[in-house]
Protein backbone atom coordinates (compact mmCIF):
# COMPACT_ATOMS: atom_id res chain seq x y z
CA UNK A 1 16.08 -78.87 -51.46
CA UNK A 2 18.79 -76.96 -53.32
CA UNK A 3 20.65 -74.02 -51.80
CA UNK A 4 18.95 -71.72 -54.31
CA UNK A 5 15.58 -72.34 -52.66
CA UNK A 6 16.40 -71.64 -49.01
CA UNK A 7 17.14 -68.51 -47.03
CA UNK A 8 20.78 -67.49 -46.94
CA UNK A 9 22.26 -65.46 -44.11
CA UNK A 10 25.48 -63.54 -44.74
CA UNK A 11 27.25 -61.93 -41.76
CA UNK A 12 28.07 -58.43 -42.93
CA UNK A 13 31.10 -56.47 -41.80
CA UNK A 14 30.06 -53.06 -43.02
CA UNK A 15 32.61 -50.83 -41.35
CA UNK A 16 34.15 -48.88 -44.22
CA UNK A 17 37.67 -49.70 -43.02
CA UNK A 18 36.85 -53.41 -42.81
CA UNK A 19 35.52 -53.28 -46.37
CA UNK A 20 38.99 -52.07 -47.38
CA UNK A 21 40.65 -54.85 -45.42
CA UNK A 22 41.98 -52.62 -42.64
CA UNK A 23 41.85 -53.68 -39.00
CA UNK A 24 39.03 -52.08 -37.02
CA UNK A 25 40.69 -50.37 -34.08
CA UNK A 26 37.61 -49.60 -32.03
CA UNK A 27 37.29 -46.63 -29.67
CA UNK A 28 39.72 -46.07 -26.80
CA UNK A 29 37.37 -44.47 -24.28
CA UNK A 30 40.07 -43.52 -21.76
CA UNK A 31 42.20 -41.87 -24.43
CA UNK A 32 39.14 -40.09 -25.84
CA UNK A 33 38.29 -38.72 -22.39
CA UNK A 34 41.82 -37.35 -22.01
CA UNK A 35 41.63 -35.75 -25.45
CA UNK A 36 38.31 -34.04 -24.61
CA UNK A 37 39.76 -32.77 -21.35
CA UNK A 38 42.79 -31.37 -23.22
CA UNK A 39 40.48 -29.73 -25.78
CA UNK A 40 38.47 -28.03 -23.05
CA UNK A 41 41.66 -26.70 -21.49
CA UNK A 42 42.84 -25.47 -24.93
CA UNK A 43 39.51 -23.68 -25.30
CA UNK A 44 40.21 -21.85 -22.05
CA UNK A 45 37.69 -23.72 -19.93
CA UNK A 46 38.13 -24.77 -16.30
CA UNK A 47 37.73 -28.56 -16.35
CA UNK A 48 37.47 -28.51 -12.57
CA UNK A 49 34.21 -26.57 -12.79
CA UNK A 50 31.33 -28.70 -11.55
CA UNK A 51 29.35 -28.59 -14.80
CA UNK A 52 32.42 -29.60 -16.84
CA UNK A 53 33.87 -32.18 -14.48
CA UNK A 54 32.12 -35.12 -16.12
CA UNK A 55 32.02 -33.68 -19.64
CA UNK A 56 35.03 -35.66 -20.95
CA UNK A 57 33.38 -38.94 -19.99
CA UNK A 58 30.04 -37.89 -21.46
CA UNK A 59 31.57 -36.72 -24.75
CA UNK A 60 33.65 -39.89 -25.13
CA UNK A 61 30.56 -42.01 -24.45
CA UNK A 62 28.55 -40.01 -26.98
CA UNK A 63 31.13 -40.51 -29.73
CA UNK A 64 31.34 -44.20 -28.87
CA UNK A 65 27.57 -44.47 -29.34
CA UNK A 66 27.52 -42.41 -32.54
CA UNK A 67 30.30 -44.44 -34.15
CA UNK A 68 29.19 -47.94 -33.15
CA UNK A 69 26.63 -49.96 -35.09
CA UNK A 70 24.83 -53.16 -34.24
CA UNK A 71 26.03 -56.33 -36.02
CA UNK A 72 24.29 -56.79 -39.35
CA UNK A 73 23.55 -59.99 -41.24
CA UNK A 74 21.88 -59.93 -44.63
CA UNK A 75 19.15 -62.56 -44.94
CA UNK A 76 18.17 -63.24 -48.55
CA UNK A 77 15.42 -65.44 -49.93
CA UNK A 78 14.85 -67.03 -53.32
CA UNK A 79 12.82 -64.91 -55.70
CA UNK A 80 10.46 -67.81 -56.39
CA UNK A 81 7.68 -65.56 -57.65
CA UNK A 82 9.98 -64.07 -60.25
CA UNK A 83 9.27 -60.51 -59.10
CA UNK A 84 10.99 -58.21 -61.58
CA UNK A 85 9.87 -54.70 -60.62
CA UNK A 86 11.42 -52.16 -58.31
CA UNK A 87 11.46 -52.58 -54.53
CA UNK A 88 11.82 -49.13 -52.95
CA UNK A 89 12.15 -48.24 -49.27
CA UNK A 90 11.74 -44.48 -48.84
CA UNK A 91 12.67 -41.96 -46.20
CA UNK A 92 14.90 -44.14 -44.00
CA UNK A 93 16.10 -41.77 -41.26
CA UNK A 94 19.85 -41.67 -40.63
CA UNK A 95 22.45 -39.56 -38.89
CA UNK A 96 26.20 -39.50 -39.22
CA UNK A 97 29.26 -37.42 -38.33
CA UNK A 98 31.05 -35.26 -40.88
CA UNK A 99 34.65 -36.43 -40.96
CA UNK A 100 35.88 -32.90 -41.74
CA UNK A 101 34.37 -31.09 -38.72
CA UNK A 102 33.02 -33.88 -36.46
CA UNK A 103 29.61 -32.24 -36.64
CA UNK A 104 26.42 -34.21 -37.34
CA UNK A 105 24.59 -34.46 -40.60
CA UNK A 106 21.21 -36.12 -40.76
CA UNK A 107 18.43 -36.81 -43.20
CA UNK A 108 16.74 -39.62 -45.07
CA UNK A 109 17.83 -42.35 -47.46
CA UNK A 110 15.82 -43.81 -50.33
CA UNK A 111 17.01 -47.27 -51.34
CA UNK A 112 15.83 -49.40 -54.25
CA UNK A 113 16.72 -52.74 -55.74
CA UNK A 114 15.61 -54.48 -58.90
CA UNK A 115 15.61 -58.15 -57.81
CA UNK A 116 17.54 -60.88 -59.52
CA UNK A 117 17.48 -64.46 -58.29
CA UNK A 118 17.18 -63.46 -54.63
CA UNK A 119 15.36 -60.87 -52.56
CA UNK A 120 16.23 -59.31 -49.20
CA UNK A 121 14.25 -58.65 -46.04
CA UNK A 122 13.12 -55.03 -46.24
CA UNK A 123 14.35 -54.14 -42.76
CA UNK A 124 17.87 -55.06 -43.85
CA UNK A 125 17.95 -52.12 -46.25
CA UNK A 126 17.48 -49.77 -43.31
CA UNK A 127 20.07 -51.66 -41.27
CA UNK A 128 22.67 -51.32 -44.02
CA UNK A 129 22.13 -47.55 -44.15
CA UNK A 130 22.39 -47.33 -40.36
CA UNK A 131 25.56 -49.39 -40.19
CA UNK A 132 27.49 -47.35 -42.74
CA UNK A 133 26.20 -44.07 -41.30
CA UNK A 134 27.65 -44.88 -37.87
CA UNK A 135 31.10 -43.68 -38.91
CA UNK A 136 33.06 -40.55 -39.68
CA UNK A 137 31.64 -39.91 -43.12
CA UNK A 138 31.19 -37.77 -46.15
CA UNK A 139 27.78 -38.07 -47.76
CA UNK A 140 29.14 -39.05 -51.17
CA UNK A 141 31.04 -42.02 -49.78
CA UNK A 142 28.12 -43.10 -47.60
CA UNK A 143 25.85 -43.17 -50.66
CA UNK A 144 28.31 -45.33 -52.59
CA UNK A 145 28.98 -47.70 -49.68
CA UNK A 146 25.29 -48.55 -49.31
CA UNK A 147 25.00 -49.23 -53.05
CA UNK A 148 28.22 -51.27 -53.14
CA UNK A 149 27.11 -53.41 -50.21
CA UNK A 150 23.73 -54.27 -51.74
CA UNK A 151 25.25 -54.91 -55.14
CA UNK A 152 27.95 -57.19 -53.74
CA UNK A 153 25.74 -59.22 -51.38
CA UNK A 154 22.43 -59.31 -53.24
CA UNK A 155 23.51 -59.40 -56.90
CA UNK A 156 20.37 -57.59 -58.09
CA UNK A 157 19.68 -56.38 -61.60
CA UNK A 158 19.94 -52.83 -60.34
CA UNK A 159 20.45 -50.69 -57.24
CA UNK A 160 19.57 -47.08 -56.53
CA UNK A 161 20.47 -45.00 -53.47
CA UNK A 162 19.52 -41.36 -52.87
CA UNK A 163 20.50 -39.51 -49.68
CA UNK A 164 19.12 -36.14 -48.60
CA UNK A 165 20.73 -34.55 -45.57
CA UNK A 166 21.27 -31.33 -43.66
CA UNK A 167 24.86 -30.74 -42.54
CA UNK A 168 25.50 -28.91 -39.28
CA UNK A 169 28.90 -27.82 -40.64
CA UNK A 170 26.93 -25.68 -43.13
CA UNK A 171 24.12 -24.53 -40.84
CA UNK A 172 25.95 -23.79 -37.56
CA UNK A 173 29.28 -22.48 -38.89
CA UNK A 174 30.87 -21.21 -42.08
CA UNK A 175 28.18 -20.14 -44.53
CA UNK A 176 25.46 -20.67 -41.84
CA UNK A 177 22.60 -21.44 -44.20
CA UNK A 178 20.00 -23.21 -42.06
CA UNK A 179 17.69 -25.59 -43.87
CA UNK A 180 20.11 -26.26 -46.74
CA UNK A 181 19.92 -29.89 -47.84
CA UNK A 182 22.43 -31.87 -49.87
CA UNK A 183 21.29 -34.66 -52.21
CA UNK A 184 23.57 -37.42 -53.46
CA UNK A 185 22.71 -40.42 -55.62
CA UNK A 186 24.24 -43.62 -56.92
CA UNK A 187 22.60 -45.75 -59.61
CA UNK A 188 23.83 -49.19 -60.63
CA UNK A 189 22.83 -51.74 -63.26
CA UNK A 190 19.47 -51.20 -64.93
CA UNK A 191 18.67 -48.25 -62.69
CA UNK A 192 21.54 -46.46 -64.38
CA UNK A 193 21.39 -47.95 -67.87
CA UNK A 194 17.64 -48.22 -68.53
CA UNK A 195 15.92 -44.86 -68.89
CA UNK A 196 12.44 -46.16 -67.97
CA UNK A 197 13.64 -47.87 -64.79
CA UNK A 198 15.78 -44.88 -63.81
CA UNK A 199 12.87 -42.51 -64.35
CA UNK A 200 10.50 -44.70 -62.34
CA UNK A 201 12.91 -44.80 -59.39
CA UNK A 202 13.55 -41.05 -59.36
CA UNK A 203 9.82 -40.38 -59.69
CA UNK A 204 9.05 -42.64 -56.74
CA UNK A 205 11.61 -41.09 -54.41
CA UNK A 206 10.62 -37.51 -55.24
CA UNK A 207 6.84 -38.02 -55.03
């Protein structure tokens, strides 16, 4: 049986810094705890107070959890049936941290591919979104990273990614407009170049 007719599993290093070839430094929990303690002191708080005594450890652990993703491998299968229509997974929940204010933003992702020679397990689309979201992010870059990853590893005829999110840096501070949502999109291949396919995708994700 030829390689084209069996499942292929690709280990995926989806940390944005790894994609750029940089070394992933990980999280120094002890140093993070010290930094949180220093921040509390700078904010005029008594870190010896009972309710704050364990806060540095809790905050460091929370950031460790928010910025760490599970290992991801992309399993692809031959498109033996010759399926040539859109595959769309809608409303994938995600959360991330704004790299400008370290405040959360959260929402949903809509991801589509137009298969080529291979197809992907549907759960992997959600895992790719999750992996890139577990970082200090801006929504525009997150949108592009998900599209780049699927395009590079799946080689489809087209990819579409739409993210809708509410940013706490807009709702809790600054302009303080609760309920405001930001939408970003990236279209590749036929989803960008073919008007019918583009229209079908945008109709599906907004319905």
